[in-house]
Amino acid sequence: MTPTETVLANSNASAEVVTAGGRRISLREIHALDRLRLFKAAGPVLAQNQPWLGMAALAWCVTAIDGVPVPTPGNEAQIEALIARLGDDGTEAVATWLDAEADAAERGFAPGN
């Protein structure tokens, strides 16, 4: 695999988690450009609100719920609507996945390897 193919494959890497209620949530890692776009969508005030931004980042990772594609939110209302759609069990499942990803990155490998 070429370096370009590796970067593209990693940027499109995804995972699926199952919530306590049985919903399947497809996820992707967010990177620098994603975070920049998240700040823009949040606006200048909410981009400085760390608790709000942390919840928004959970929604930003979601690409599908039960196989139905979810567009990336573009503003505060869309972010909040997706958080509402995910609910407590959905945000908890996404947060657990993100924690595992962060732990794996610290150790230098992906979960399951």
N, C-alpha and C. Protein backbone atom coordinates (compact mmCIF):
# COMPACT_ATOMS: atom_id res chain seq x y z
N MET A 1 0.84 -1.17 0.00
CA MET A 1 0.00 0.00 0.00
C MET A 1 0.90 1.24 0.00
N THR A 2 0.58 2.20 -0.86
CA THR A 2 1.37 3.43 -0.93
C THR A 2 1.05 4.32 0.27
N PRO A 3 1.92 5.29 0.56
CA PRO A 3 1.63 6.20 1.67
C PRO A 3 0.29 6.93 1.49
N THR A 4 -0.03 7.32 0.27
CA THR A 4 -1.30 8.00 0.01
C THR A 4 -2.47 7.08 0.30
N GLU A 5 -2.37 5.83 -0.14
CA GLU A 5 -3.44 4.87 0.11
C GLU A 5 -3.61 4.63 1.61
N THR A 6 -2.51 4.61 2.34
CA THR A 6 -2.57 4.42 3.79
C THR A 6 -3.29 5.59 4.46
N VAL A 7 -2.94 6.80 4.05
CA VAL A 7 -3.59 7.99 4.63
C VAL A 7 -5.07 7.98 4.32
N LEU A 8 -5.44 7.67 3.09
CA LEU A 8 -6.85 7.63 2.71
C LEU A 8 -7.60 6.54 3.46
N ALA A 9 -6.99 5.38 3.60
CA ALA A 9 -7.64 4.29 4.32
C ALA A 9 -7.85 4.67 5.78
N ASN A 10 -6.85 5.29 6.39
CA ASN A 10 -6.98 5.70 7.79
C ASN A 10 -8.00 6.81 7.97
N SER A 11 -8.10 7.71 6.99
CA SER A 11 -9.05 8.81 7.12
C SER A 11 -10.48 8.31 6.98
N ASN A 12 -10.67 7.18 6.30
CA ASN A 12 -12.00 6.62 6.11
C ASN A 12 -12.29 5.48 7.07
N ALA A 13 -11.37 5.25 8.03
CA ALA A 13 -11.55 4.16 8.97
C ALA A 13 -12.84 4.36 9.75
N SER A 14 -13.54 3.28 9.95
CA SER A 14 -14.78 3.38 10.69
C SER A 14 -14.94 2.17 11.60
N ALA A 15 -15.90 2.31 12.48
CA ALA A 15 -16.21 1.25 13.43
C ALA A 15 -17.70 1.25 13.64
N GLU A 16 -18.19 0.21 14.27
CA GLU A 16 -19.60 0.16 14.61
C GLU A 16 -19.72 -0.27 16.06
N VAL A 17 -20.57 0.43 16.79
CA VAL A 17 -20.85 0.07 18.17
C VAL A 17 -22.34 -0.24 18.29
N VAL A 18 -22.68 -1.01 19.29
CA VAL A 18 -24.08 -1.33 19.56
C VAL A 18 -24.42 -0.75 20.92
N THR A 19 -25.50 0.01 20.96
CA THR A 19 -25.91 0.65 22.21
C THR A 19 -26.57 -0.36 23.13
N ALA A 20 -26.77 0.05 24.36
CA ALA A 20 -27.47 -0.80 25.33
C ALA A 20 -28.87 -1.15 24.83
N GLY A 21 -29.46 -0.26 24.05
CA GLY A 21 -30.80 -0.49 23.51
C GLY A 21 -30.80 -1.27 22.20
N GLY A 22 -29.61 -1.65 21.72
CA GLY A 22 -29.51 -2.47 20.52
C GLY A 22 -29.36 -1.72 19.20
N ARG A 23 -29.26 -0.40 19.24
CA ARG A 23 -29.04 0.34 18.00
C ARG A 23 -27.60 0.19 17.55
N ARG A 24 -27.39 0.12 16.24
CA ARG A 24 -26.05 0.05 15.66
C ARG A 24 -25.65 1.44 15.21
N ILE A 25 -24.52 1.92 15.73
CA ILE A 25 -24.03 3.25 15.37
C ILE A 25 -22.69 3.11 14.69
N SER A 26 -22.62 3.60 13.45
CA SER A 26 -21.36 3.60 12.69
C SER A 26 -20.62 4.89 12.99
N LEU A 27 -19.31 4.75 13.17
CA LEU A 27 -18.49 5.87 13.62
C LEU A 27 -17.24 6.01 12.76
N ARG A 28 -16.67 7.19 12.81
CA ARG A 28 -15.39 7.44 12.17
C ARG A 28 -14.55 8.28 13.12
N GLU A 29 -13.25 8.18 12.97
CA GLU A 29 -12.36 9.02 13.75
C GLU A 29 -12.45 10.44 13.21
N ILE A 30 -12.27 11.41 14.10
CA ILE A 30 -12.20 12.78 13.63
C ILE A 30 -10.75 13.25 13.69
N HIS A 31 -10.39 14.07 12.73
CA HIS A 31 -9.02 14.53 12.60
C HIS A 31 -8.99 16.06 12.66
N ALA A 32 -7.85 16.65 12.39
CA ALA A 32 -7.66 18.10 12.53
C ALA A 32 -8.69 18.91 11.75
N LEU A 33 -8.91 18.58 10.49
CA LEU A 33 -9.86 19.34 9.68
C LEU A 33 -11.28 19.17 10.22
N ASP A 34 -11.60 17.97 10.69
CA ASP A 34 -12.92 17.74 11.30
C ASP A 34 -13.11 18.63 12.52
N ARG A 35 -12.07 18.73 13.35
CA ARG A 35 -12.17 19.56 14.55
C ARG A 35 -12.35 21.03 14.18
N LEU A 36 -11.64 21.48 13.15
CA LEU A 36 -11.79 22.85 12.68
C LEU A 36 -13.22 23.11 12.21
N ARG A 37 -13.77 22.17 11.47
CA ARG A 37 -15.15 22.31 11.00
C ARG A 37 -16.15 22.25 12.16
N LEU A 38 -15.85 21.45 13.17
CA LEU A 38 -16.70 21.40 14.35
C LEU A 38 -16.71 22.75 15.05
N PHE A 39 -15.54 23.37 15.22
CA PHE A 39 -15.47 24.69 15.84
C PHE A 39 -16.30 25.70 15.06
N LYS A 40 -16.20 25.63 13.74
CA LYS A 40 -16.96 26.56 12.89
C LYS A 40 -18.46 26.33 13.07
N ALA A 41 -18.89 25.08 13.07
CA ALA A 41 -20.31 24.77 13.23
C ALA A 41 -20.82 25.19 14.61
N ALA A 42 -19.99 25.07 15.62
CA ALA A 42 -20.37 25.42 16.98
C ALA A 42 -20.53 26.93 17.14
N GLY A 43 -19.75 27.68 16.41
CA GLY A 43 -19.76 29.13 16.56
C GLY A 43 -18.76 29.57 17.62
N PRO A 44 -18.48 30.87 17.66
CA PRO A 44 -17.39 31.36 18.53
C PRO A 44 -17.62 31.15 20.02
N VAL A 45 -18.86 31.23 20.47
CA VAL A 45 -19.12 31.08 21.91
C VAL A 45 -19.06 29.62 22.32
N LEU A 46 -19.79 28.75 21.63
CA LEU A 46 -19.82 27.33 22.00
C LEU A 46 -18.50 26.63 21.74
N ALA A 47 -17.70 27.13 20.80
CA ALA A 47 -16.39 26.52 20.54
C ALA A 47 -15.46 26.67 21.74
N GLN A 48 -15.79 27.58 22.66
CA GLN A 48 -14.99 27.77 23.88
C GLN A 48 -15.61 27.07 25.08
N ASN A 49 -16.77 26.45 24.89
CA ASN A 49 -17.48 25.76 25.97
C ASN A 49 -17.09 24.28 25.90
N GLN A 50 -16.11 23.88 26.70
CA GLN A 50 -15.55 22.53 26.62
C GLN A 50 -16.56 21.41 26.85
N PRO A 51 -17.45 21.51 27.85
CA PRO A 51 -18.44 20.43 28.01
C PRO A 51 -19.34 20.28 26.79
N TRP A 52 -19.81 21.40 26.25
CA TRP A 52 -20.68 21.34 25.06
C TRP A 52 -19.91 20.78 23.88
N LEU A 53 -18.69 21.24 23.71
CA LEU A 53 -17.88 20.80 22.58
C LEU A 53 -17.55 19.31 22.68
N GLY A 54 -17.36 18.81 23.89
CA GLY A 54 -17.11 17.38 24.07
C GLY A 54 -18.29 16.54 23.62
N MET A 55 -19.49 16.97 23.97
CA MET A 55 -20.69 16.25 23.52
C MET A 55 -20.84 16.37 22.00
N ALA A 56 -20.56 17.55 21.47
CA ALA A 56 -20.67 17.76 20.02
C ALA A 56 -19.70 16.85 19.27
N ALA A 57 -18.52 16.65 19.82
CA ALA A 57 -17.53 15.77 19.18
C ALA A 57 -18.05 14.34 19.09
N LEU A 58 -18.81 13.91 20.08
CA LEU A 58 -19.40 12.57 20.03
C LEU A 58 -20.32 12.46 18.82
N ALA A 59 -21.16 13.47 18.62
CA ALA A 59 -22.08 13.46 17.47
C ALA A 59 -21.31 13.54 16.16
N TRP A 60 -20.23 14.28 16.15
CA TRP A 60 -19.45 14.49 14.93
C TRP A 60 -18.87 13.18 14.40
N CYS A 61 -18.66 12.21 15.26
CA CYS A 61 -18.09 10.91 14.85
C CYS A 61 -19.10 10.01 14.15
N VAL A 62 -20.38 10.27 14.34
CA VAL A 62 -21.43 9.37 13.86
C VAL A 62 -21.62 9.51 12.35
N THR A 63 -21.60 8.36 11.66
CA THR A 63 -21.83 8.37 10.21
C THR A 63 -23.14 7.68 9.83
N ALA A 64 -23.66 6.82 10.71
CA ALA A 64 -24.93 6.14 10.43
C ALA A 64 -25.51 5.60 11.72
N ILE A 65 -26.84 5.50 11.74
CA ILE A 65 -27.54 4.88 12.87
C ILE A 65 -28.45 3.81 12.27
N ASP A 66 -28.25 2.57 12.71
CA ASP A 66 -28.99 1.43 12.18
C ASP A 66 -28.93 1.36 10.66
N GLY A 67 -27.76 1.65 10.12
CA GLY A 67 -27.54 1.56 8.68
C GLY A 67 -28.02 2.75 7.87
N VAL A 68 -28.68 3.71 8.51
CA VAL A 68 -29.16 4.90 7.81
C VAL A 68 -28.09 5.98 7.94
N PRO A 69 -27.55 6.46 6.81
CA PRO A 69 -26.49 7.48 6.87
C PRO A 69 -26.94 8.73 7.62
N VAL A 70 -25.99 9.29 8.36
CA VAL A 70 -26.22 10.53 9.11
C VAL A 70 -25.27 11.57 8.55
N PRO A 71 -25.79 12.67 8.00
CA PRO A 71 -24.89 13.71 7.49
C PRO A 71 -24.15 14.41 8.64
N THR A 72 -22.97 14.87 8.35
CA THR A 72 -22.21 15.62 9.35
C THR A 72 -22.96 16.91 9.65
N PRO A 73 -23.19 17.21 10.93
CA PRO A 73 -23.92 18.42 11.27
C PRO A 73 -23.17 19.67 10.81
N GLY A 74 -23.91 20.71 10.48
CA GLY A 74 -23.29 21.93 10.00
C GLY A 74 -23.50 23.14 10.88
N ASN A 75 -24.30 22.98 11.94
CA ASN A 75 -24.54 24.12 12.83
C ASN A 75 -24.98 23.61 14.20
N GLU A 76 -25.15 24.54 15.13
CA GLU A 76 -25.51 24.19 16.50
C GLU A 76 -26.80 23.37 16.57
N ALA A 77 -27.81 23.78 15.84
CA ALA A 77 -29.10 23.08 15.89
C ALA A 77 -28.97 21.64 15.39
N GLN A 78 -28.21 21.43 14.34
CA GLN A 78 -28.03 20.08 13.80
C GLN A 78 -27.22 19.20 14.76
N ILE A 79 -26.24 19.79 15.41
CA ILE A 79 -25.45 19.05 16.40
C ILE A 79 -26.36 18.61 17.55
N GLU A 80 -27.16 19.54 18.05
CA GLU A 80 -28.04 19.22 19.17
C GLU A 80 -29.12 18.22 18.78
N ALA A 81 -29.60 18.30 17.54
CA ALA A 81 -30.60 17.33 17.07
C ALA A 81 -30.00 15.93 17.02
N LEU A 82 -28.74 15.82 16.60
CA LEU A 82 -28.09 14.51 16.54
C LEU A 82 -27.82 13.97 17.93
N ILE A 83 -27.44 14.84 18.87
CA ILE A 83 -27.25 14.41 20.26
C ILE A 83 -28.58 13.89 20.81
N ALA A 84 -29.66 14.59 20.52
CA ALA A 84 -30.98 14.14 20.98
C ALA A 84 -31.33 12.79 20.38
N ARG A 85 -31.00 12.61 19.11
CA ARG A 85 -31.28 11.34 18.43
C ARG A 85 -30.46 10.20 19.03
N LEU A 86 -29.21 10.48 19.38
CA LEU A 86 -28.36 9.45 19.98
C LEU A 86 -28.85 9.07 21.37
N GLY A 87 -29.29 10.05 22.14
CA GLY A 87 -29.74 9.79 23.50
C GLY A 87 -28.59 9.40 24.41
N ASP A 88 -28.93 9.05 25.63
CA ASP A 88 -27.90 8.70 26.61
C ASP A 88 -27.13 7.44 26.23
N ASP A 89 -27.85 6.39 25.78
CA ASP A 89 -27.15 5.15 25.47
C ASP A 89 -26.27 5.30 24.23
N GLY A 90 -26.69 6.11 23.28
CA GLY A 90 -25.89 6.33 22.08
C GLY A 90 -24.64 7.14 22.37
N THR A 91 -24.79 8.21 23.14
CA THR A 91 -23.61 9.01 23.46
C THR A 91 -22.64 8.23 24.35
N GLU A 92 -23.18 7.39 25.22
CA GLU A 92 -22.30 6.55 26.06
C GLU A 92 -21.52 5.55 25.21
N ALA A 93 -22.18 4.93 24.24
CA ALA A 93 -21.50 3.96 23.37
C ALA A 93 -20.41 4.64 22.54
N VAL A 94 -20.70 5.82 22.03
CA VAL A 94 -19.70 6.56 21.23
C VAL A 94 -18.53 6.96 22.12
N ALA A 95 -18.82 7.46 23.32
CA ALA A 95 -17.76 7.87 24.24
C ALA A 95 -16.86 6.70 24.62
N THR A 96 -17.45 5.54 24.84
CA THR A 96 -16.67 4.35 25.17
C THR A 96 -15.74 3.99 24.02
N TRP A 97 -16.25 4.07 22.79
CA TRP A 97 -15.43 3.78 21.61
C TRP A 97 -14.29 4.79 21.50
N LEU A 98 -14.59 6.08 21.70
CA LEU A 98 -13.54 7.10 21.62
C LEU A 98 -12.47 6.89 22.68
N ASP A 99 -12.88 6.51 23.89
CA ASP A 99 -11.92 6.23 24.95
C ASP A 99 -11.00 5.09 24.56
N ALA A 100 -11.57 4.04 23.97
CA ALA A 100 -10.76 2.89 23.53
C ALA A 100 -9.79 3.31 22.43
N GLU A 101 -10.25 4.16 21.51
CA GLU A 101 -9.38 4.66 20.44
C GLU A 101 -8.23 5.47 21.02
N ALA A 102 -8.52 6.33 21.98
CA ALA A 102 -7.48 7.16 22.60
C ALA A 102 -6.48 6.30 23.35
N ASP A 103 -6.96 5.31 24.08
CA ASP A 103 -6.06 4.40 24.81
C ASP A 103 -5.16 3.65 23.84
N ALA A 104 -5.74 3.19 22.74
CA ALA A 104 -4.96 2.44 21.74
C ALA A 104 -3.92 3.34 21.09
N ALA A 105 -4.28 4.59 20.82
CA ALA A 105 -3.33 5.51 20.20
C ALA A 105 -2.15 5.77 21.13
N GLU A 106 -2.42 5.85 22.43
CA GLU A 106 -1.34 6.05 23.40
C GLU A 106 -0.39 4.86 23.41
N ARG A 107 -0.95 3.66 23.19
CA ARG A 107 -0.12 2.45 23.19
C ARG A 107 0.48 2.18 21.82
N GLY A 108 0.00 2.91 20.79
CA GLY A 108 0.58 2.78 19.46
C GLY A 108 -0.07 1.74 18.57
N PHE A 109 -1.29 1.31 18.88
CA PHE A 109 -1.98 0.37 18.00
C PHE A 109 -3.47 0.53 18.14
N ALA A 110 -4.18 -0.01 17.15
CA ALA A 110 -5.64 0.10 17.13
C ALA A 110 -6.26 -0.96 18.00
N PRO A 111 -7.48 -0.70 18.52
CA PRO A 111 -8.16 -1.72 19.33
C PRO A 111 -8.34 -3.01 18.55
N GLY A 112 -8.20 -4.10 19.24
CA GLY A 112 -8.38 -5.40 18.60
C GLY A 112 -7.11 -5.96 18.00
N ASN A 113 -6.03 -5.18 18.00
CA ASN A 113 -4.76 -5.67 17.44
C ASN A 113 -3.88 -6.23 18.53
